[in-house]
Amino acid sequence: MTREYRIRSESYSEDTTDDCYLDPDDPIHEIKKQTGLKDRVVNKFTPQEISDQGLEPGTTKWFQMMFGR
């Protein structure tokens, strides 16, 4: 039997300490090297370029420009 959880703003604390730890020996590091994945997705367009195109964030054309689809 599965359980459903509701996550609400009350579920989050204001504590911003980083409690996430990934062991340096974790195989994901090797997988990332082999696949060429980076830690972050870097936007290749400046806000000025986006506004010059007349794109509004969240529109289909904006997603196509930002994510190359």
PDB file of N, CA and C in Angstrom:
ATOM      1  N   MET A   1       0.831  -1.174   0.000  1.00  0.00           N
ATOM      2  CA  MET A   1       0.000   0.000   0.000  1.00  0.00           C
ATOM      3  C   MET A   1       0.885   1.250   0.000  1.00  0.00           C
ATOM      4  N   THR A   2       0.589   2.175  -0.894  1.00  0.00           N
ATOM      5  CA  THR A   2       1.391   3.400  -0.963  1.00  0.00           C
ATOM      6  C   THR A   2       0.801   4.470  -0.056  1.00  0.00           C
ATOM      7  N   ARG A   3       1.643   5.376   0.314  1.00  0.00           N
ATOM      8  CA  ARG A   3       1.229   6.458   1.191  1.00  0.00           C
ATOM      9  C   ARG A   3       1.362   7.780   0.461  1.00  0.00           C
ATOM     10  N   GLU A   4       0.423   8.657   0.653  1.00  0.00           N
ATOM     11  CA  GLU A   4       0.484   9.978   0.042  1.00  0.00           C
ATOM     12  C   GLU A   4       0.887  11.004   1.088  1.00  0.00           C
ATOM     13  N   TYR A   5       1.737  11.909   0.682  1.00  0.00           N
ATOM     14  CA  TYR A   5       2.173  12.977   1.561  1.00  0.00           C
ATOM     15  C   TYR A   5       1.843  14.308   0.916  1.00  0.00           C
ATOM     16  N   ARG A   6       1.399  15.237   1.708  1.00  0.00           N
ATOM     17  CA  ARG A   6       1.172  16.599   1.234  1.00  0.00           C
ATOM     18  C   ARG A   6       2.333  17.445   1.729  1.00  0.00           C
ATOM     19  N   ILE A   7       2.938  18.133   0.817  1.00  0.00           N
ATOM     20  CA  ILE A   7       4.047  19.003   1.188  1.00  0.00           C
ATOM     21  C   ILE A   7       3.549  20.432   1.062  1.00  0.00           C
ATOM     22  N   ARG A   8       3.629  21.136   2.145  1.00  0.00           N
ATOM     23  CA  ARG A   8       3.164  22.519   2.198  1.00  0.00           C
ATOM     24  C   ARG A   8       4.297  23.402   2.685  1.00  0.00           C
ATOM     25  N   SER A   9       4.080  24.689   2.602  1.00  0.00           N
ATOM     26  CA  SER A   9       5.113  25.622   3.042  1.00  0.00           C
ATOM     27  C   SER A   9       5.459  25.423   4.514  1.00  0.00           C
ATOM     28  N   GLU A  10       4.498  24.937   5.303  1.00  0.00           N
ATOM     29  CA  GLU A  10       4.773  24.690   6.711  1.00  0.00           C
ATOM     30  C   GLU A  10       5.781  23.547   6.892  1.00  0.00           C
ATOM     31  N   SER A  11       5.942  22.717   5.862  1.00  0.00           N
ATOM     32  CA  SER A  11       6.853  21.580   5.945  1.00  0.00           C
ATOM     33  C   SER A  11       8.316  22.006   5.858  1.00  0.00           C
ATOM     34  N   TYR A  12       8.552  23.214   5.351  1.00  0.00           N
ATOM     35  CA  TYR A  12       9.918  23.679   5.154  1.00  0.00           C
ATOM     36  C   TYR A  12      10.355  24.551   6.308  1.00  0.00           C
ATOM     37  N   SER A  13      11.595  24.404   6.692  1.00  0.00           N
ATOM     38  CA  SER A  13      12.127  25.270   7.739  1.00  0.00           C
ATOM     39  C   SER A  13      12.926  26.389   7.083  1.00  0.00           C
ATOM     40  N   GLU A  14      13.197  27.398   7.833  1.00  0.00           N
ATOM     41  CA  GLU A  14      13.986  28.524   7.342  1.00  0.00           C
ATOM     42  C   GLU A  14      15.480  28.251   7.472  1.00  0.00           C
ATOM     43  N   ASP A  15      15.835  27.123   8.051  1.00  0.00           N
ATOM     44  CA  ASP A  15      17.236  26.764   8.240  1.00  0.00           C
ATOM     45  C   ASP A  15      17.877  26.535   6.876  1.00  0.00           C
ATOM     46  N   THR A  16      18.977  27.208   6.599  1.00  0.00           N
ATOM     47  CA  THR A  16      19.615  27.093   5.290  1.00  0.00           C
ATOM     48  C   THR A  16      20.932  26.340   5.338  1.00  0.00           C
ATOM     49  N   THR A  17      21.189  25.622   6.417  1.00  0.00           N
ATOM     50  CA  THR A  17      22.437  24.860   6.479  1.00  0.00           C
ATOM     51  C   THR A  17      22.413  23.763   5.426  1.00  0.00           C
ATOM     52  N   ASP A  18      23.552  23.541   4.831  1.00  0.00           N
ATOM     53  CA  ASP A  18      23.665  22.530   3.781  1.00  0.00           C
ATOM     54  C   ASP A  18      23.849  21.163   4.429  1.00  0.00           C
ATOM     55  N   ASP A  19      22.805  20.353   4.396  1.00  0.00           N
ATOM     56  CA  ASP A  19      22.889  19.039   5.025  1.00  0.00           C
ATOM     57  C   ASP A  19      23.030  17.920   3.996  1.00  0.00           C
ATOM     58  N   CYS A  20      23.330  18.284   2.777  1.00  0.00           N
ATOM     59  CA  CYS A  20      23.486  17.299   1.711  1.00  0.00           C
ATOM     60  C   CYS A  20      24.973  16.970   1.572  1.00  0.00           C
ATOM     61  N   TYR A  21      25.283  15.687   1.538  1.00  0.00           N
ATOM     62  CA  TYR A  21      26.667  15.262   1.398  1.00  0.00           C
ATOM     63  C   TYR A  21      26.732  14.123   0.395  1.00  0.00           C
ATOM     64  N   LEU A  22      27.629  14.233  -0.544  1.00  0.00           N
ATOM     65  CA  LEU A  22      27.838  13.188  -1.529  1.00  0.00           C
ATOM     66  C   LEU A  22      29.279  12.712  -1.390  1.00  0.00           C
ATOM     67  N   ASP A  23      29.446  11.461  -1.048  1.00  0.00           N
ATOM     68  CA  ASP A  23      30.757  10.877  -0.830  1.00  0.00           C
ATOM     69  C   ASP A  23      31.626  11.057  -2.073  1.00  0.00           C
ATOM     70  N   PRO A  24      32.873  11.473  -1.914  1.00  0.00           N
ATOM     71  CA  PRO A  24      33.765  11.625  -3.064  1.00  0.00           C
ATOM     72  C   PRO A  24      33.978  10.326  -3.841  1.00  0.00           C
ATOM     73  N   ASP A  25      33.753   9.174  -3.204  1.00  0.00           N
ATOM     74  CA  ASP A  25      33.913   7.891  -3.887  1.00  0.00           C
ATOM     75  C   ASP A  25      32.633   7.416  -4.571  1.00  0.00           C
ATOM     76  N   ASP A  26      31.586   8.232  -4.522  1.00  0.00           N
ATOM     77  CA  ASP A  26      30.314   7.849  -5.128  1.00  0.00           C
ATOM     78  C   ASP A  26      30.496   7.683  -6.640  1.00  0.00           C
ATOM     79  N   PRO A  27      29.942   6.616  -7.223  1.00  0.00           N
ATOM     80  CA  PRO A  27      30.112   6.365  -8.660  1.00  0.00           C
ATOM     81  C   PRO A  27      29.524   7.451  -9.562  1.00  0.00           C
ATOM     82  N   ILE A  28      28.659   8.305  -9.031  1.00  0.00           N
ATOM     83  CA  ILE A  28      28.078   9.349  -9.873  1.00  0.00           C
ATOM     84  C   ILE A  28      29.147  10.294 -10.413  1.00  0.00           C
ATOM     85  N   HIS A  29      30.225  10.480  -9.667  1.00  0.00           N
ATOM     86  CA  HIS A  29      31.297  11.364 -10.131  1.00  0.00           C
ATOM     87  C   HIS A  29      31.950  10.812 -11.401  1.00  0.00           C
ATOM     88  N   GLU A  30      32.176   9.518 -11.440  1.00  0.00           N
ATOM     89  CA  GLU A  30      32.757   8.884 -12.634  1.00  0.00           C
ATOM     90  C   GLU A  30      31.775   8.934 -13.797  1.00  0.00           C
ATOM     91  N   ILE A  31      30.508   8.716 -13.516  1.00  0.00           N
ATOM     92  CA  ILE A  31      29.479   8.775 -14.568  1.00  0.00           C
ATOM     93  C   ILE A  31      29.419  10.176 -15.155  1.00  0.00           C
ATOM     94  N   LYS A  32      29.489  11.190 -14.309  1.00  0.00           N
ATOM     95  CA  LYS A  32      29.456  12.570 -14.792  1.00  0.00           C
ATOM     96  C   LYS A  32      30.653  12.862 -15.690  1.00  0.00           C
ATOM     97  N   LYS A  33      31.825  12.359 -15.317  1.00  0.00           N
ATOM     98  CA  LYS A  33      33.016  12.560 -16.154  1.00  0.00           C
ATOM     99  C   LYS A  33      32.847  11.884 -17.513  1.00  0.00           C
ATOM    100  N   GLN A  34      32.346  10.653 -17.505  1.00  0.00           N
ATOM    101  CA  GLN A  34      32.199   9.892 -18.744  1.00  0.00           C
ATOM    102  C   GLN A  34      31.167  10.500 -19.678  1.00  0.00           C
ATOM    103  N   THR A  35      30.106  11.054 -19.114  1.00  0.00           N
ATOM    104  CA  THR A  35      29.042  11.605 -19.951  1.00  0.00           C
ATOM    105  C   THR A  35      29.235  13.078 -20.248  1.00  0.00           C
ATOM    106  N   GLY A  36      30.164  13.730 -19.574  1.00  0.00           N
ATOM    107  CA  GLY A  36      30.399  15.144 -19.802  1.00  0.00           C
ATOM    108  C   GLY A  36      29.395  16.046 -19.104  1.00  0.00           C
ATOM    109  N   LEU A  37      28.676  15.516 -18.119  1.00  0.00           N
ATOM    110  CA  LEU A  37      27.704  16.332 -17.396  1.00  0.00           C
ATOM    111  C   LEU A  37      28.416  17.327 -16.499  1.00  0.00           C
ATOM    112  N   LYS A  38      27.821  18.492 -16.380  1.00  0.00           N
ATOM    113  CA  LYS A  38      28.364  19.517 -15.505  1.00  0.00           C
ATOM    114  C   LYS A  38      27.459  19.648 -14.295  1.00  0.00           C
ATOM    115  N   ASP A  39      27.962  20.314 -13.273  1.00  0.00           N
ATOM    116  CA  ASP A  39      27.184  20.473 -12.048  1.00  0.00           C
ATOM    117  C   ASP A  39      25.984  21.388 -12.231  1.00  0.00           C
ATOM    118  N   ARG A  40      26.095  22.340 -13.109  1.00  0.00           N
ATOM    119  CA  ARG A  40      25.009  23.302 -13.287  1.00  0.00           C
ATOM    120  C   ARG A  40      24.727  23.507 -14.762  1.00  0.00           C
ATOM    121  N   VAL A  41      23.499  23.863 -15.033  1.00  0.00           N
ATOM    122  CA  VAL A  41      23.130  24.236 -16.394  1.00  0.00           C
ATOM    123  C   VAL A  41      23.404  25.722 -16.517  1.00  0.00           C
ATOM    124  N   VAL A  42      24.179  26.092 -17.515  1.00  0.00           N
ATOM    125  CA  VAL A  42      24.551  27.488 -17.681  1.00  0.00           C
ATOM    126  C   VAL A  42      23.742  28.082 -18.825  1.00  0.00           C
ATOM    127  N   ASN A  43      23.100  29.199 -18.535  1.00  0.00           N
ATOM    128  CA  ASN A  43      22.325  29.886 -19.552  1.00  0.00           C
ATOM    129  C   ASN A  43      23.287  30.554 -20.525  1.00  0.00           C
ATOM    130  N   LYS A  44      23.111  30.298 -21.812  1.00  0.00           N
ATOM    131  CA  LYS A  44      24.025  30.868 -22.793  1.00  0.00           C
ATOM    132  C   LYS A  44      23.541  32.191 -23.357  1.00  0.00           C
ATOM    133  N   PHE A  45      22.402  32.678 -22.888  1.00  0.00           N
ATOM    134  CA  PHE A  45      21.858  33.938 -23.359  1.00  0.00           C
ATOM    135  C   PHE A  45      21.800  34.946 -22.226  1.00  0.00           C
ATOM    136  N   THR A  46      22.134  36.199 -22.541  1.00  0.00           N
ATOM    137  CA  THR A  46      22.045  37.258 -21.539  1.00  0.00           C
ATOM    138  C   THR A  46      20.609  37.752 -21.465  1.00  0.00           C
ATOM    139  N   PRO A  47      20.242  38.382 -20.353  1.00  0.00           N
ATOM    140  CA  PRO A  47      18.892  38.944 -20.269  1.00  0.00           C
ATOM    141  C   PRO A  47      18.609  39.932 -21.398  1.00  0.00           C
ATOM    142  N   GLN A  48      19.634  40.666 -21.830  1.00  0.00           N
ATOM    143  CA  GLN A  48      19.442  41.625 -22.924  1.00  0.00           C
ATOM    144  C   GLN A  48      19.096  40.905 -24.225  1.00  0.00           C
ATOM    145  N   GLU A  49      19.770  39.799 -24.506  1.00  0.00           N
ATOM    146  CA  GLU A  49      19.463  39.025 -25.715  1.00  0.00           C
ATOM    147  C   GLU A  49      18.041  38.481 -25.677  1.00  0.00           C
ATOM    148  N   ILE A  50      17.614  38.062 -24.518  1.00  0.00           N
ATOM    149  CA  ILE A  50      16.262  37.526 -24.379  1.00  0.00           C
ATOM    150  C   ILE A  50      15.237  38.628 -24.595  1.00  0.00           C
ATOM    151  N   SER A  51      15.468  39.806 -23.997  1.00  0.00           N
ATOM    152  CA  SER A  51      14.504  40.893 -24.170  1.00  0.00           C
ATOM    153  C   SER A  51      14.534  41.432 -25.599  1.00  0.00           C
ATOM    154  N   ASP A  52      15.693  41.391 -26.256  1.00  0.00           N
ATOM    155  CA  ASP A  52      15.761  41.813 -27.657  1.00  0.00           C
ATOM    156  C   ASP A  52      14.903  40.923 -28.547  1.00  0.00           C
ATOM    157  N   GLN A  53      14.775  39.669 -28.176  1.00  0.00           N
ATOM    158  CA  GLN A  53      13.943  38.729 -28.928  1.00  0.00           C
ATOM    159  C   GLN A  53      12.461  38.926 -28.620  1.00  0.00           C
ATOM    160  N   GLY A  54      12.165  39.695 -27.564  1.00  0.00           N
ATOM    161  CA  GLY A  54      10.781  39.923 -27.170  1.00  0.00           C
ATOM    162  C   GLY A  54      10.153  38.711 -26.510  1.00  0.00           C
ATOM    163  N   LEU A  55      10.975  37.904 -25.856  1.00  0.00           N
ATOM    164  CA  LEU A  55      10.473  36.680 -25.238  1.00  0.00           C
ATOM    165  C   LEU A  55      10.089  36.914 -23.787  1.00  0.00           C
ATOM    166  N   GLU A  56       8.985  36.348 -23.395  1.00  0.00           N
ATOM    167  CA  GLU A  56       8.538  36.386 -22.010  1.00  0.00           C
ATOM    168  C   GLU A  56       8.890  35.055 -21.351  1.00  0.00           C
ATOM    169  N   PRO A  57       9.447  35.078 -20.135  1.00  0.00           N
ATOM    170  CA  PRO A  57       9.774  33.830 -19.452  1.00  0.00           C
ATOM    171  C   PRO A  57       8.558  32.923 -19.316  1.00  0.00           C
ATOM    172  N   GLY A  58       8.770  31.641 -19.604  1.00  0.00           N
ATOM    173  CA  GLY A  58       7.722  30.643 -19.457  1.00  0.00           C
ATOM    174  C   GLY A  58       6.958  30.345 -20.729  1.00  0.00           C
ATOM    175  N   THR A  59       7.142  31.150 -21.765  1.00  0.00           N
ATOM    176  CA  THR A  59       6.438  30.883 -23.019  1.00  0.00           C
ATOM    177  C   THR A  59       7.148  29.766 -23.786  1.00  0.00           C
ATOM    178  N   THR A  60       6.476  29.207 -24.760  1.00  0.00           N
ATOM    179  CA  THR A  60       7.048  28.112 -25.550  1.00  0.00           C
ATOM    180  C   THR A  60       8.320  28.559 -26.256  1.00  0.00           C
ATOM    181  N   LYS A  61       8.309  29.728 -26.850  1.00  0.00           N
ATOM    182  CA  LYS A  61       9.504  30.214 -27.564  1.00  0.00           C
ATOM    183  C   LYS A  61      10.663  30.463 -26.601  1.00  0.00           C
ATOM    184  N   TRP A  62      10.344  30.915 -25.400  1.00  0.00           N
ATOM    185  CA  TRP A  62      11.383  31.131 -24.394  1.00  0.00           C
ATOM    186  C   TRP A  62      12.042  29.800 -24.039  1.00  0.00           C
ATOM    187  N   PHE A  63      11.216  28.751 -23.807  1.00  0.00           N
ATOM    188  CA  PHE A  63      11.767  27.433 -23.491  1.00  0.00           C
ATOM    189  C   PHE A  63      12.604  26.897 -24.646  1.00  0.00           C
ATOM    190  N   GLN A  64      12.163  27.129 -25.866  1.00  0.00           N
ATOM    191  CA  GLN A  64      12.923  26.652 -27.022  1.00  0.00           C
ATOM    192  C   GLN A  64      14.276  27.347 -27.087  1.00  0.00           C
ATOM    193  N   MET A  65      14.299  28.642 -26.813  1.00  0.00           N
ATOM    194  CA  MET A  65      15.566  29.380 -26.838  1.00  0.00           C
ATOM    195  C   MET A  65      16.479  28.949 -25.707  1.00  0.00           C
ATOM    196  N   MET A  66      15.910  28.795 -24.516  1.00  0.00           N
ATOM    197  CA  MET A  66      16.724  28.485 -23.348  1.00  0.00           C
ATOM    198  C   MET A  66      17.230  27.053 -23.327  1.00  0.00           C
ATOM    199  N   PHE A  67      16.410  26.120 -23.798  1.00  0.00           N
ATOM    200  CA  PHE A  67      16.769  24.715 -23.682  1.00  0.00           C
ATOM    201  C   PHE A  67      16.994  24.036 -25.024  1.00  0.00           C
ATOM    202  N   GLY A  68      17.020  24.810 -26.107  1.00  0.00           N
ATOM    203  CA  GLY A  68      17.400  24.293 -27.409  1.00  0.00           C
ATOM    204  C   GLY A  68      16.475  23.287 -28.027  1.00  0.00           C
ATOM    205  N   ARG A  69      15.192  23.421 -27.826  1.00  0.00           N
ATOM    206  CA  ARG A  69      14.246  22.491 -28.451  1.00  0.00           C
ATOM    207  C   ARG A  69      13.477  23.166 -29.523  1.00  0.00           C
TER     208      ARG A  69
END
